[in-house]
């Protein structure tokens, strides 16, 4: 799969499934053993270990993902989100995901850089 196509699929799936809190389609975007680092100061973990509990902690999310900037097997995607949390809190986030894809179009590495508004 072409990297631009893979990045577009990643962006569209994350945007749709984050809003509906459906982790399985998001997790399916990642290759077995993929590196997932959700923030520069956090340890890497598996995509499932991050995605499932994060979505479970939210009651709603409004998010928007920009077009990918692609170079070779890598892509960068800007995103923004406003989430409501189960504990009654809310978060406004803005970030960039740096992605690397395998030839099948699955993510093998994701490093996120984000901040709270």
PDB file of N, CA and C in Angstrom:
ATOM      1  N   UNK A   1       0.850  -1.181   0.000  1.00  0.00           N
ATOM      2  CA  UNK A   1       0.000   0.000   0.000  1.00  0.00           C
ATOM      3  C   UNK A   1       0.894   1.241   0.000  1.00  0.00           C
ATOM      4  N   UNK A   2       0.536   2.202  -0.775  1.00  0.00           N
ATOM      5  CA  UNK A   2       1.216   3.491  -0.855  1.00  0.00           C
ATOM      6  C   UNK A   2       1.118   4.215   0.497  1.00  0.00           C
ATOM      7  N   UNK A   3       2.188   4.892   0.904  1.00  0.00           N
ATOM      8  CA  UNK A   3       2.226   5.571   2.210  1.00  0.00           C
ATOM      9  C   UNK A   3       1.144   6.637   2.314  1.00  0.00           C
ATOM     10  N   UNK A   4       0.909   7.381   1.261  1.00  0.00           N
ATOM     11  CA  UNK A   4      -0.132   8.422   1.306  1.00  0.00           C
ATOM     12  C   UNK A   4      -1.507   7.791   1.564  1.00  0.00           C
ATOM     13  N   UNK A   5      -1.776   6.671   0.898  1.00  0.00           N
ATOM     14  CA  UNK A   5      -3.043   5.958   1.107  1.00  0.00           C
ATOM     15  C   UNK A   5      -3.128   5.411   2.535  1.00  0.00           C
ATOM     16  N   UNK A   6      -2.023   4.846   3.036  1.00  0.00           N
ATOM     17  CA  UNK A   6      -2.002   4.308   4.401  1.00  0.00           C
ATOM     18  C   UNK A   6      -2.223   5.420   5.426  1.00  0.00           C
ATOM     19  N   UNK A   7      -1.595   6.565   5.222  1.00  0.00           N
ATOM     20  CA  UNK A   7      -1.753   7.685   6.147  1.00  0.00           C
ATOM     21  C   UNK A   7      -3.178   8.229   6.114  1.00  0.00           C
ATOM     22  N   UNK A   8      -3.773   8.284   4.947  1.00  0.00           N
ATOM     23  CA  UNK A   8      -5.154   8.735   4.824  1.00  0.00           C
ATOM     24  C   UNK A   8      -6.097   7.775   5.556  1.00  0.00           C
ATOM     25  N   UNK A   9      -5.866   6.470   5.386  1.00  0.00           N
ATOM     26  CA  UNK A   9      -6.687   5.474   6.091  1.00  0.00           C
ATOM     27  C   UNK A   9      -6.523   5.624   7.597  1.00  0.00           C
ATOM     28  N   UNK A  10      -5.279   5.827   8.056  1.00  0.00           N
ATOM     29  CA  UNK A  10      -5.003   6.012   9.486  1.00  0.00           C
ATOM     30  C   UNK A  10      -5.774   7.227  10.012  1.00  0.00           C
ATOM     31  N   UNK A  11      -5.655   8.348   9.294  1.00  0.00           N
ATOM     32  CA  UNK A  11      -6.306   9.603   9.704  1.00  0.00           C
ATOM     33  C   UNK A  11      -7.828   9.451   9.766  1.00  0.00           C
ATOM     34  N   UNK A  12      -8.409   8.902   8.720  1.00  0.00           N
ATOM     35  CA  UNK A  12      -9.865   8.750   8.661  1.00  0.00           C
ATOM     36  C   UNK A  12     -10.373   7.789   9.734  1.00  0.00           C
ATOM     37  N   UNK A  13      -9.655   6.698   9.964  1.00  0.00           N
ATOM     38  CA  UNK A  13     -10.075   5.722  10.972  1.00  0.00           C
ATOM     39  C   UNK A  13      -9.980   6.310  12.371  1.00  0.00           C
ATOM     40  N   UNK A  14      -8.865   6.959  12.686  1.00  0.00           N
ATOM     41  CA  UNK A  14      -8.726   7.584  14.004  1.00  0.00           C
ATOM     42  C   UNK A  14      -9.829   8.620  14.232  1.00  0.00           C
ATOM     43  N   UNK A  15     -10.068   9.476  13.250  1.00  0.00           N
ATOM     44  CA  UNK A  15     -11.072  10.528  13.423  1.00  0.00           C
ATOM     45  C   UNK A  15     -12.457   9.932  13.670  1.00  0.00           C
ATOM     46  N   UNK A  16     -12.847   8.964  12.881  1.00  0.00           N
ATOM     47  CA  UNK A  16     -14.170   8.339  13.023  1.00  0.00           C
ATOM     48  C   UNK A  16     -14.289   7.545  14.326  1.00  0.00           C
ATOM     49  N   UNK A  17     -13.300   6.726  14.623  1.00  0.00           N
ATOM     50  CA  UNK A  17     -13.407   5.800  15.760  1.00  0.00           C
ATOM     51  C   UNK A  17     -13.109   6.459  17.097  1.00  0.00           C
ATOM     52  N   UNK A  18     -12.336   7.556  17.107  1.00  0.00           N
ATOM     53  CA  UNK A  18     -12.154   8.287  18.357  1.00  0.00           C
ATOM     54  C   UNK A  18     -13.480   8.917  18.753  1.00  0.00           C
ATOM     55  N   UNK A  19     -14.201   9.459  17.794  1.00  0.00           N
ATOM     56  CA  UNK A  19     -15.506  10.077  18.078  1.00  0.00           C
ATOM     57  C   UNK A  19     -16.521   9.062  18.596  1.00  0.00           C
ATOM     58  N   UNK A  20     -16.470   7.847  18.074  1.00  0.00           N
ATOM     59  CA  UNK A  20     -17.448   6.817  18.462  1.00  0.00           C
ATOM     60  C   UNK A  20     -16.917   5.871  19.538  1.00  0.00           C
ATOM     61  N   UNK A  21     -15.675   6.073  19.943  1.00  0.00           N
ATOM     62  CA  UNK A  21     -15.036   5.254  20.985  1.00  0.00           C
ATOM     63  C   UNK A  21     -15.060   3.764  20.642  1.00  0.00           C
ATOM     64  N   UNK A  22     -14.624   3.462  19.426  1.00  0.00           N
ATOM     65  CA  UNK A  22     -14.532   2.086  18.946  1.00  0.00           C
ATOM     66  C   UNK A  22     -13.058   1.757  18.706  1.00  0.00           C
ATOM     67  N   UNK A  23     -12.394   1.129  19.680  1.00  0.00           N
ATOM     68  CA  UNK A  23     -10.947   0.923  19.576  1.00  0.00           C
ATOM     69  C   UNK A  23     -10.498  -0.128  18.566  1.00  0.00           C
ATOM     70  N   UNK A  24     -11.310  -1.108  18.260  1.00  0.00           N
ATOM     71  CA  UNK A  24     -10.842  -2.235  17.445  1.00  0.00           C
ATOM     72  C   UNK A  24     -10.366  -1.824  16.050  1.00  0.00           C
ATOM     73  N   UNK A  25     -11.088  -0.934  15.390  1.00  0.00           N
ATOM     74  CA  UNK A  25     -10.657  -0.505  14.052  1.00  0.00           C
ATOM     75  C   UNK A  25      -9.362   0.292  14.115  1.00  0.00           C
ATOM     76  N   UNK A  26      -9.178   1.042  15.197  1.00  0.00           N
ATOM     77  CA  UNK A  26      -7.928   1.778  15.363  1.00  0.00           C
ATOM     78  C   UNK A  26      -6.782   0.794  15.593  1.00  0.00           C
ATOM     79  N   UNK A  27      -6.964  -0.135  16.509  1.00  0.00           N
ATOM     80  CA  UNK A  27      -5.919  -1.121  16.812  1.00  0.00           C
ATOM     81  C   UNK A  27      -5.529  -1.904  15.558  1.00  0.00           C
ATOM     82  N   UNK A  28      -6.480  -2.163  14.685  1.00  0.00           N
ATOM     83  CA  UNK A  28      -6.214  -2.935  13.458  1.00  0.00           C
ATOM     84  C   UNK A  28      -5.308  -2.188  12.477  1.00  0.00           C
ATOM     85  N   UNK A  29      -5.061  -0.899  12.685  1.00  0.00           N
ATOM     86  CA  UNK A  29      -4.172  -0.128  11.821  1.00  0.00           C
ATOM     87  C   UNK A  29      -2.697  -0.420  12.085  1.00  0.00           C
ATOM     88  N   UNK A  30      -2.385  -1.144  13.164  1.00  0.00           N
ATOM     89  CA  UNK A  30      -1.019  -1.327  13.623  1.00  0.00           C
ATOM     90  C   UNK A  30      -0.515  -2.744  13.374  1.00  0.00           C
ATOM     91  N   UNK A  31       0.744  -2.832  12.978  1.00  0.00           N
ATOM     92  CA  UNK A  31       1.399  -4.130  12.772  1.00  0.00           C
ATOM     93  C   UNK A  31       1.685  -4.774  14.129  1.00  0.00           C
ATOM     94  N   UNK A  32       1.790  -6.084  14.133  1.00  0.00           N
ATOM     95  CA  UNK A  32       2.195  -6.818  15.332  1.00  0.00           C
ATOM     96  C   UNK A  32       3.541  -6.270  15.795  1.00  0.00           C
ATOM     97  N   UNK A  33       3.658  -5.974  17.077  1.00  0.00           N
ATOM     98  CA  UNK A  33       4.911  -5.471  17.630  1.00  0.00           C
ATOM     99  C   UNK A  33       5.184  -4.006  17.361  1.00  0.00           C
ATOM    100  N   UNK A  34       4.191  -3.265  16.887  1.00  0.00           N
ATOM    101  CA  UNK A  34       4.386  -1.838  16.587  1.00  0.00           C
ATOM    102  C   UNK A  34       4.796  -1.072  17.844  1.00  0.00           C
ATOM    103  N   UNK A  35       5.670  -0.098  17.658  1.00  0.00           N
ATOM    104  CA  UNK A  35       6.064   0.804  18.734  1.00  0.00           C
ATOM    105  C   UNK A  35       5.052   1.938  18.786  1.00  0.00           C
ATOM    106  N   UNK A  36       4.550   2.243  19.973  1.00  0.00           N
ATOM    107  CA  UNK A  36       3.584   3.316  20.148  1.00  0.00           C
ATOM    108  C   UNK A  36       4.030   4.135  21.350  1.00  0.00           C
ATOM    109  N   UNK A  37       4.425   5.378  21.100  1.00  0.00           N
ATOM    110  CA  UNK A  37       4.813   6.271  22.187  1.00  0.00           C
ATOM    111  C   UNK A  37       3.846   7.445  22.170  1.00  0.00           C
ATOM    112  N   UNK A  38       2.978   7.520  23.176  1.00  0.00           N
ATOM    113  CA  UNK A  38       1.894   8.497  23.183  1.00  0.00           C
ATOM    114  C   UNK A  38       2.333   9.898  23.578  1.00  0.00           C
ATOM    115  N   UNK A  39       3.553  10.051  24.069  1.00  0.00           N
ATOM    116  CA  UNK A  39       4.067  11.350  24.475  1.00  0.00           C
ATOM    117  C   UNK A  39       5.571  11.209  24.661  1.00  0.00           C
ATOM    118  N   UNK A  40       6.357  12.255  24.375  1.00  0.00           N
ATOM    119  CA  UNK A  40       7.813  12.116  24.455  1.00  0.00           C
ATOM    120  C   UNK A  40       8.331  11.672  25.824  1.00  0.00           C
ATOM    121  N   UNK A  41       7.615  11.949  26.889  1.00  0.00           N
ATOM    122  CA  UNK A  41       8.092  11.620  28.226  1.00  0.00           C
ATOM    123  C   UNK A  41       7.427  10.375  28.817  1.00  0.00           C
ATOM    124  N   UNK A  42       6.791   9.598  27.966  1.00  0.00           N
ATOM    125  CA  UNK A  42       6.168   8.342  28.406  1.00  0.00           C
ATOM    126  C   UNK A  42       6.884   7.165  27.754  1.00  0.00           C
ATOM    127  N   UNK A  43       6.840   6.029  28.442  1.00  0.00           N
ATOM    128  CA  UNK A  43       7.416   4.816  27.862  1.00  0.00           C
ATOM    129  C   UNK A  43       6.567   4.351  26.681  1.00  0.00           C
ATOM    130  N   UNK A  44       7.220   3.711  25.724  1.00  0.00           N
ATOM    131  CA  UNK A  44       6.487   3.108  24.602  1.00  0.00           C
ATOM    132  C   UNK A  44       5.663   1.935  25.120  1.00  0.00           C
ATOM    133  N   UNK A  45       4.576   1.658  24.434  1.00  0.00           N
ATOM    134  CA  UNK A  45       3.707   0.541  24.787  1.00  0.00           C
ATOM    135  C   UNK A  45       3.062   0.027  23.509  1.00  0.00           C
ATOM    136  N   UNK A  46       2.294  -1.037  23.624  1.00  0.00           N
ATOM    137  CA  UNK A  46       1.592  -1.524  22.438  1.00  0.00           C
ATOM    138  C   UNK A  46       0.428  -0.574  22.145  1.00  0.00           C
ATOM    139  N   UNK A  47       0.029  -0.478  20.886  1.00  0.00           N
ATOM    140  CA  UNK A  47      -1.112   0.386  20.565  1.00  0.00           C
ATOM    141  C   UNK A  47      -2.359   0.046  21.398  1.00  0.00           C
ATOM    142  N   UNK A  48      -2.661  -1.236  21.545  1.00  0.00           N
ATOM    143  CA  UNK A  48      -3.853  -1.647  22.304  1.00  0.00           C
ATOM    144  C   UNK A  48      -3.773  -1.187  23.760  1.00  0.00           C
ATOM    145  N   UNK A  49      -2.578  -1.297  24.368  1.00  0.00           N
ATOM    146  CA  UNK A  49      -2.405  -0.898  25.770  1.00  0.00           C
ATOM    147  C   UNK A  49      -2.694   0.579  25.981  1.00  0.00           C
ATOM    148  N   UNK A  50      -2.483   1.382  24.955  1.00  0.00           N
ATOM    149  CA  UNK A  50      -2.776   2.804  25.062  1.00  0.00           C
ATOM    150  C   UNK A  50      -4.211   3.126  24.642  1.00  0.00           C
ATOM    151  N   UNK A  51      -4.629   2.625  23.507  1.00  0.00           N
ATOM    152  CA  UNK A  51      -5.893   3.034  22.892  1.00  0.00           C
ATOM    153  C   UNK A  51      -7.105   2.613  23.719  1.00  0.00           C
ATOM    154  N   UNK A  52      -7.180   1.362  24.132  1.00  0.00           N
ATOM    155  CA  UNK A  52      -8.376   0.898  24.841  1.00  0.00           C
ATOM    156  C   UNK A  52      -8.639   1.657  26.137  1.00  0.00           C
ATOM    157  N   UNK A  53      -7.674   1.781  27.052  1.00  0.00           N
ATOM    158  CA  UNK A  53      -7.980   2.526  28.287  1.00  0.00           C
ATOM    159  C   UNK A  53      -8.211   4.014  28.067  1.00  0.00           C
ATOM    160  N   UNK A  54      -7.525   4.595  27.092  1.00  0.00           N
ATOM    161  CA  UNK A  54      -7.716   6.022  26.822  1.00  0.00           C
ATOM    162  C   UNK A  54      -9.143   6.295  26.363  1.00  0.00           C
ATOM    163  N   UNK A  55      -9.638   5.511  25.419  1.00  0.00           N
ATOM    164  CA  UNK A  55     -11.017   5.703  24.955  1.00  0.00           C
ATOM    165  C   UNK A  55     -12.025   5.369  26.049  1.00  0.00           C
ATOM    166  N   UNK A  56     -11.717   4.382  26.884  1.00  0.00           N
ATOM    167  CA  UNK A  56     -12.627   3.997  27.968  1.00  0.00           C
ATOM    168  C   UNK A  56     -12.753   5.101  29.019  1.00  0.00           C
ATOM    169  N   UNK A  57     -11.742   5.956  29.156  1.00  0.00           N
ATOM    170  CA  UNK A  57     -11.772   7.053  30.132  1.00  0.00           C
ATOM    171  C   UNK A  57     -12.591   8.250  29.658  1.00  0.00           C
ATOM    172  N   UNK A  58     -13.044   8.228  28.406  1.00  0.00           N
ATOM    173  CA  UNK A  58     -13.764   9.359  27.829  1.00  0.00           C
ATOM    174  C   UNK A  58     -15.245   9.028  27.620  1.00  0.00           C
ATOM    175  N   UNK A  59     -16.080  10.063  27.716  1.00  0.00           N
ATOM    176  CA  UNK A  59     -17.491   9.896  27.388  1.00  0.00           C
ATOM    177  C   UNK A  59     -17.802  10.448  26.003  1.00  0.00           C
ATOM    178  N   UNK A  60     -16.979  11.410  25.536  1.00  0.00           N
ATOM    179  CA  UNK A  60     -17.172  11.946  24.188  1.00  0.00           C
ATOM    180  C   UNK A  60     -15.870  12.578  23.708  1.00  0.00           C
ATOM    181  N   UNK A  61     -15.778  12.683  22.391  1.00  0.00           N
ATOM    182  CA  UNK A  61     -14.607  13.327  21.784  1.00  0.00           C
ATOM    183  C   UNK A  61     -15.029  13.974  20.471  1.00  0.00           C
ATOM    184  N   UNK A  62     -14.598  15.188  20.284  1.00  0.00           N
ATOM    185  CA  UNK A  62     -14.717  15.881  19.007  1.00  0.00           C
ATOM    186  C   UNK A  62     -13.282  16.081  18.530  1.00  0.00           C
ATOM    187  N   UNK A  63     -12.973  15.564  17.360  1.00  0.00           N
ATOM    188  CA  UNK A  63     -11.593  15.634  16.894  1.00  0.00           C
ATOM    189  C   UNK A  63     -11.546  15.940  15.400  1.00  0.00           C
ATOM    190  N   UNK A  64     -10.381  16.428  15.002  1.00  0.00           N
ATOM    191  CA  UNK A  64     -10.164  16.778  13.601  1.00  0.00           C
ATOM    192  C   UNK A  64      -8.706  16.478  13.272  1.00  0.00           C
ATOM    193  N   UNK A  65      -8.486  15.813  12.150  1.00  0.00           N
ATOM    194  CA  UNK A  65      -7.149  15.438  11.710  1.00  0.00           C
ATOM    195  C   UNK A  65      -6.844  16.131  10.392  1.00  0.00           C
ATOM    196  N   UNK A  66      -5.634  16.652  10.275  1.00  0.00           N
ATOM    197  CA  UNK A  66      -5.216  17.311   9.050  1.00  0.00           C
ATOM    198  C   UNK A  66      -4.717  16.319   8.014  1.00  0.00           C
ATOM    199  N   UNK A  67      -4.417  16.833   6.840  1.00  0.00           N
ATOM    200  CA  UNK A  67      -3.845  16.009   5.773  1.00  0.00           C
ATOM    201  C   UNK A  67      -2.425  15.604   6.155  1.00  0.00           C
ATOM    202  N   UNK A  68      -2.048  14.407   5.782  1.00  0.00           N
ATOM    203  CA  UNK A  68      -0.715  13.901   6.099  1.00  0.00           C
ATOM    204  C   UNK A  68       0.351  14.556   5.232  1.00  0.00           C
ATOM    205  N   UNK A  69       1.499  14.797   5.843  1.00  0.00           N
ATOM    206  CA  UNK A  69       2.708  15.168   5.119  1.00  0.00           C
ATOM    207  C   UNK A  69       3.510  13.876   5.001  1.00  0.00           C
ATOM    208  N   UNK A  70       3.801  13.448   3.784  1.00  0.00           N
ATOM    209  CA  UNK A  70       4.374  12.118   3.535  1.00  0.00           C
ATOM    210  C   UNK A  70       5.765  12.231   2.925  1.00  0.00           C
ATOM    211  N   UNK A  71       6.669  11.377   3.401  1.00  0.00           N
ATOM    212  CA  UNK A  71       8.011  11.259   2.842  1.00  0.00           C
ATOM    213  C   UNK A  71       8.453   9.806   2.976  1.00  0.00           C
ATOM    214  N   UNK A  72       8.580   9.128   1.867  1.00  0.00           N
ATOM    215  CA  UNK A  72       8.973   7.711   1.899  1.00  0.00           C
ATOM    216  C   UNK A  72       7.931   6.884   2.636  1.00  0.00           C
ATOM    217  N   UNK A  73       8.373   6.131   3.656  1.00  0.00           N
ATOM    218  CA  UNK A  73       7.441   5.301   4.430  1.00  0.00           C
ATOM    219  C   UNK A  73       6.945   6.007   5.690  1.00  0.00           C
ATOM    220  N   UNK A  74       7.173   7.309   5.775  1.00  0.00           N
ATOM    221  CA  UNK A  74       6.814   8.082   6.970  1.00  0.00           C
ATOM    222  C   UNK A  74       5.769   9.148   6.650  1.00  0.00           C
ATOM    223  N   UNK A  75       5.009   9.489   7.690  1.00  0.00           N
ATOM    224  CA  UNK A  75       4.009  10.550   7.554  1.00  0.00           C
ATOM    225  C   UNK A  75       3.889  11.301   8.875  1.00  0.00           C
ATOM    226  N   UNK A  76       3.501  12.552   8.790  1.00  0.00           N
ATOM    227  CA  UNK A  76       3.197  13.379   9.953  1.00  0.00           C
ATOM    228  C   UNK A  76       1.771  13.879   9.787  1.00  0.00           C
ATOM    229  N   UNK A  77       0.986  13.771  10.864  1.00  0.00           N
ATOM    230  CA  UNK A  77      -0.420  14.181  10.820  1.00  0.00           C
ATOM    231  C   UNK A  77      -0.722  15.052  12.041  1.00  0.00           C
ATOM    232  N   UNK A  78      -1.186  16.281  11.784  1.00  0.00           N
ATOM    233  CA  UNK A  78      -1.609  17.180  12.851  1.00  0.00           C
ATOM    234  C   UNK A  78      -3.040  16.841  13.250  1.00  0.00           C
ATOM    235  N   UNK A  79      -3.354  16.971  14.550  1.00  0.00           N
ATOM    236  CA  UNK A  79      -4.712  16.705  15.020  1.00  0.00           C
ATOM    237  C   UNK A  79      -5.044  17.584  16.216  1.00  0.00           C
ATOM    238  N   UNK A  80      -6.354  17.731  16.437  1.00  0.00           N
ATOM    239  CA  UNK A  80      -6.894  18.479  17.587  1.00  0.00           C
ATOM    240  C   UNK A  80      -8.097  17.716  18.117  1.00  0.00           C
ATOM    241  N   UNK A  81      -8.323  17.838  19.429  1.00  0.00           N
ATOM    242  CA  UNK A  81      -9.474  17.152  20.016  1.00  0.00           C
ATOM    243  C   UNK A  81      -9.953  17.868  21.271  1.00  0.00           C
ATOM    244  N   UNK A  82     -11.233  17.762  21.505  1.00  0.00           N
ATOM    245  CA  UNK A  82     -11.847  18.180  22.761  1.00  0.00           C
ATOM    246  C   UNK A  82     -12.569  16.961  23.298  1.00  0.00           C
ATOM    247  N   UNK A  83     -12.194  16.533  24.506  1.00  0.00           N
ATOM    248  CA  UNK A  83     -12.781  15.328  25.076  1.00  0.00           C
ATOM    249  C   UNK A  83     -13.447  15.629  26.409  1.00  0.00           C
ATOM    250  N   UNK A  84     -14.469  14.863  26.700  1.00  0.00           N
ATOM    251  CA  UNK A  84     -15.119  14.869  28.007  1.00  0.00           C
ATOM    252  C   UNK A  84     -14.731  13.549  28.674  1.00  0.00           C
ATOM    253  N   UNK A  85     -14.322  13.630  29.933  1.00  0.00           N
ATOM    254  CA  UNK A  85     -13.828  12.460  30.650  1.00  0.00           C
ATOM    255  C   UNK A  85     -14.879  11.900  31.601  1.00  0.00           C
ATOM    256  N   UNK A  86     -14.783  10.616  31.863  1.00  0.00           N
ATOM    257  CA  UNK A  86     -15.736   9.953  32.765  1.00  0.00           C
ATOM    258  C   UNK A  86     -15.703  10.538  34.176  1.00  0.00           C
ATOM    259  N   UNK A  87     -14.554  11.080  34.584  1.00  0.00           N
ATOM    260  CA  UNK A  87     -14.449  11.650  35.928  1.00  0.00           C
ATOM    261  C   UNK A  87     -15.035  13.058  36.007  1.00  0.00           C
ATOM    262  N   UNK A  88     -15.646  13.537  34.906  1.00  0.00           N
ATOM    263  CA  UNK A  88     -16.261  14.855  34.883  1.00  0.00           C
ATOM    264  C   UNK A  88     -15.371  15.936  34.298  1.00  0.00           C
ATOM    265  N   UNK A  89     -14.112  15.648  34.075  1.00  0.00           N
ATOM    266  CA  UNK A  89     -13.193  16.613  33.509  1.00  0.00           C
ATOM    267  C   UNK A  89     -13.330  16.719  32.003  1.00  0.00           C
ATOM    268  N   UNK A  90     -12.532  17.601  31.442  1.00  0.00           N
ATOM    269  CA  UNK A  90     -12.499  17.794  29.995  1.00  0.00           C
ATOM    270  C   UNK A  90     -11.063  18.119  29.603  1.00  0.00           C
ATOM    271  N   UNK A  91     -10.726  17.808  28.364  1.00  0.00           N
ATOM    272  CA  UNK A  91      -9.393  18.116  27.857  1.00  0.00           C
ATOM    273  C   UNK A  91      -9.499  18.716  26.464  1.00  0.00           C
ATOM    274  N   UNK A  92      -8.653  19.687  26.206  1.00  0.00           N
ATOM    275  CA  UNK A  92      -8.482  20.235  24.868  1.00  0.00           C
ATOM    276  C   UNK A  92      -7.045  19.915  24.477  1.00  0.00           C
ATOM    277  N   UNK A  93      -6.867  19.154  23.402  1.00  0.00           N
ATOM    278  CA  UNK A  93      -5.550  18.676  23.000  1.00  0.00           C
ATOM    279  C   UNK A  93      -5.230  19.129  21.580  1.00  0.00           C
ATOM    280  N   UNK A  94      -3.953  19.321  21.324  1.00  0.00           N
ATOM    281  CA  UNK A  94      -3.465  19.571  19.972  1.00  0.00           C
ATOM    282  C   UNK A  94      -2.143  18.841  19.848  1.00  0.00           C
ATOM    283  N   UNK A  95      -1.954  18.148  18.718  1.00  0.00           N
ATOM    284  CA  UNK A  95      -0.729  17.391  18.583  1.00  0.00           C
ATOM    285  C   UNK A  95      -0.402  16.997  17.163  1.00  0.00           C
ATOM    286  N   UNK A  96       0.702  16.260  17.053  1.00  0.00           N
ATOM    287  CA  UNK A  96       1.170  15.708  15.792  1.00  0.00           C
ATOM    288  C   UNK A  96       1.563  14.265  16.038  1.00  0.00           C
ATOM    289  N   UNK A  97       1.165  13.391  15.140  1.00  0.00           N
ATOM    290  CA  UNK A  97       1.586  11.992  15.177  1.00  0.00           C
ATOM    291  C   UNK A  97       2.595  11.770  14.062  1.00  0.00           C
ATOM    292  N   UNK A  98       3.754  11.245  14.429  1.00  0.00           N
ATOM    293  CA  UNK A  98       4.778  10.865  13.462  1.00  0.00           C
ATOM    294  C   UNK A  98       4.657   9.363  13.262  1.00  0.00           C
ATOM    295  N   UNK A  99       4.431   8.944  12.032  1.00  0.00           N
ATOM    296  CA  UNK A  99       4.098   7.549  11.718  1.00  0.00           C
ATOM    297  C   UNK A  99       5.102   6.957  10.737  1.00  0.00           C
ATOM    298  N   UNK A 100       5.351   5.659  10.889  1.00  0.00           N
ATOM    299  CA  UNK A 100       6.118   4.907   9.887  1.00  0.00           C
ATOM    300  C   UNK A 100       5.310   3.673   9.552  1.00  0.00           C
ATOM    301  N   UNK A 101       5.171   3.384   8.257  1.00  0.00           N
ATOM    302  CA  UNK A 101       4.326   2.304   7.767  1.00  0.00           C
ATOM    303  C   UNK A 101       5.155   1.183   7.155  1.00  0.00           C
ATOM    304  N   UNK A 102       4.632  -0.046   7.240  1.00  0.00           N
ATOM    305  CA  UNK A 102       5.254  -1.171   6.537  1.00  0.00           C
ATOM    306  C   UNK A 102       4.665  -1.248   5.124  1.00  0.00           C
ATOM    307  N   UNK A 103       5.174  -2.124   4.257  1.00  0.00           N
ATOM    308  CA  UNK A 103       4.662  -2.198   2.883  1.00  0.00           C
ATOM    309  C   UNK A 103       3.177  -2.543   2.772  1.00  0.00           C
ATOM    310  N   UNK A 104       2.617  -3.180   3.811  1.00  0.00           N
ATOM    311  CA  UNK A 104       1.191  -3.511   3.801  1.00  0.00           C
ATOM    312  C   UNK A 104       0.318  -2.337   4.243  1.00  0.00           C
ATOM    313  N   UNK A 105       0.947  -1.228   4.644  1.00  0.00           N
ATOM    314  CA  UNK A 105       0.181  -0.054   5.060  1.00  0.00           C
ATOM    315  C   UNK A 105      -0.155  -0.030   6.539  1.00  0.00           C
ATOM    316  N   UNK A 106       0.463  -0.907   7.334  1.00  0.00           N
ATOM    317  CA  UNK A 106       0.235  -0.919   8.775  1.00  0.00           C
ATOM    318  C   UNK A 106       1.286  -0.077   9.475  1.00  0.00           C
ATOM    319  N   UNK A 107       0.904   0.556  10.563  1.00  0.00           N
ATOM    320  CA  UNK A 107       1.834   1.381  11.326  1.00  0.00           C
ATOM    321  C   UNK A 107       2.789   0.463  12.091  1.00  0.00           C
ATOM    322  N   UNK A 108       4.090   0.716  11.943  1.00  0.00           N
ATOM    323  CA  UNK A 108       5.096  -0.025  12.702  1.00  0.00           C
ATOM    324  C   UNK A 108       5.716   0.850  13.785  1.00  0.00           C
ATOM    325  N   UNK A 109       5.517   2.156  13.669  1.00  0.00           N
ATOM    326  CA  UNK A 109       6.047   3.079  14.666  1.00  0.00           C
ATOM    327  C   UNK A 109       5.188   4.333  14.690  1.00  0.00           C
ATOM    328  N   UNK A 110       4.802   4.747  15.903  1.00  0.00           N
ATOM    329  CA  UNK A 110       4.055   5.998  16.085  1.00  0.00           C
ATOM    330  C   UNK A 110       4.621   6.711  17.298  1.00  0.00           C
ATOM    331  N   UNK A 111       4.965   7.967  17.094  1.00  0.00           N
ATOM    332  CA  UNK A 111       5.424   8.822  18.188  1.00  0.00           C
ATOM    333  C   UNK A 111       4.562  10.078  18.158  1.00  0.00           C
ATOM    334  N   UNK A 112       3.869  10.340  19.277  1.00  0.00           N
ATOM    335  CA  UNK A 112       2.984  11.491  19.359  1.00  0.00           C
ATOM    336  C   UNK A 112       3.626  12.604  20.185  1.00  0.00           C
ATOM    337  N   UNK A 113       3.382  13.829  19.746  1.00  0.00           N
ATOM    338  CA  UNK A 113       3.797  15.028  20.461  1.00  0.00           C
ATOM    339  C   UNK A 113       2.559  15.898  20.588  1.00  0.00           C
ATOM    340  N   UNK A 114       2.120  16.171  21.820  1.00  0.00           N
ATOM    341  CA  UNK A 114       0.893  16.917  22.003  1.00  0.00           C
ATOM    342  C   UNK A 114       0.971  17.775  23.260  1.00  0.00           C
ATOM    343  N   UNK A 115       0.010  18.688  23.379  1.00  0.00           N
ATOM    344  CA  UNK A 115      -0.096  19.548  24.541  1.00  0.00           C
ATOM    345  C   UNK A 115      -1.564  19.752  24.882  1.00  0.00           C
ATOM    346  N   UNK A 116      -1.806  20.103  26.128  1.00  0.00           N
ATOM    347  CA  UNK A 116      -3.153  20.439  26.575  1.00  0.00           C
ATOM    348  C   UNK A 116      -3.367  21.940  26.421  1.00  0.00           C
ATOM    349  N   UNK A 117      -4.587  22.304  25.993  1.00  0.00           N
ATOM    350  CA  UNK A 117      -4.908  23.717  25.816  1.00  0.00           C
ATOM    351  C   UNK A 117      -5.381  24.359  27.089  1.00  0.00           C
TER     352      UNK A 117
END
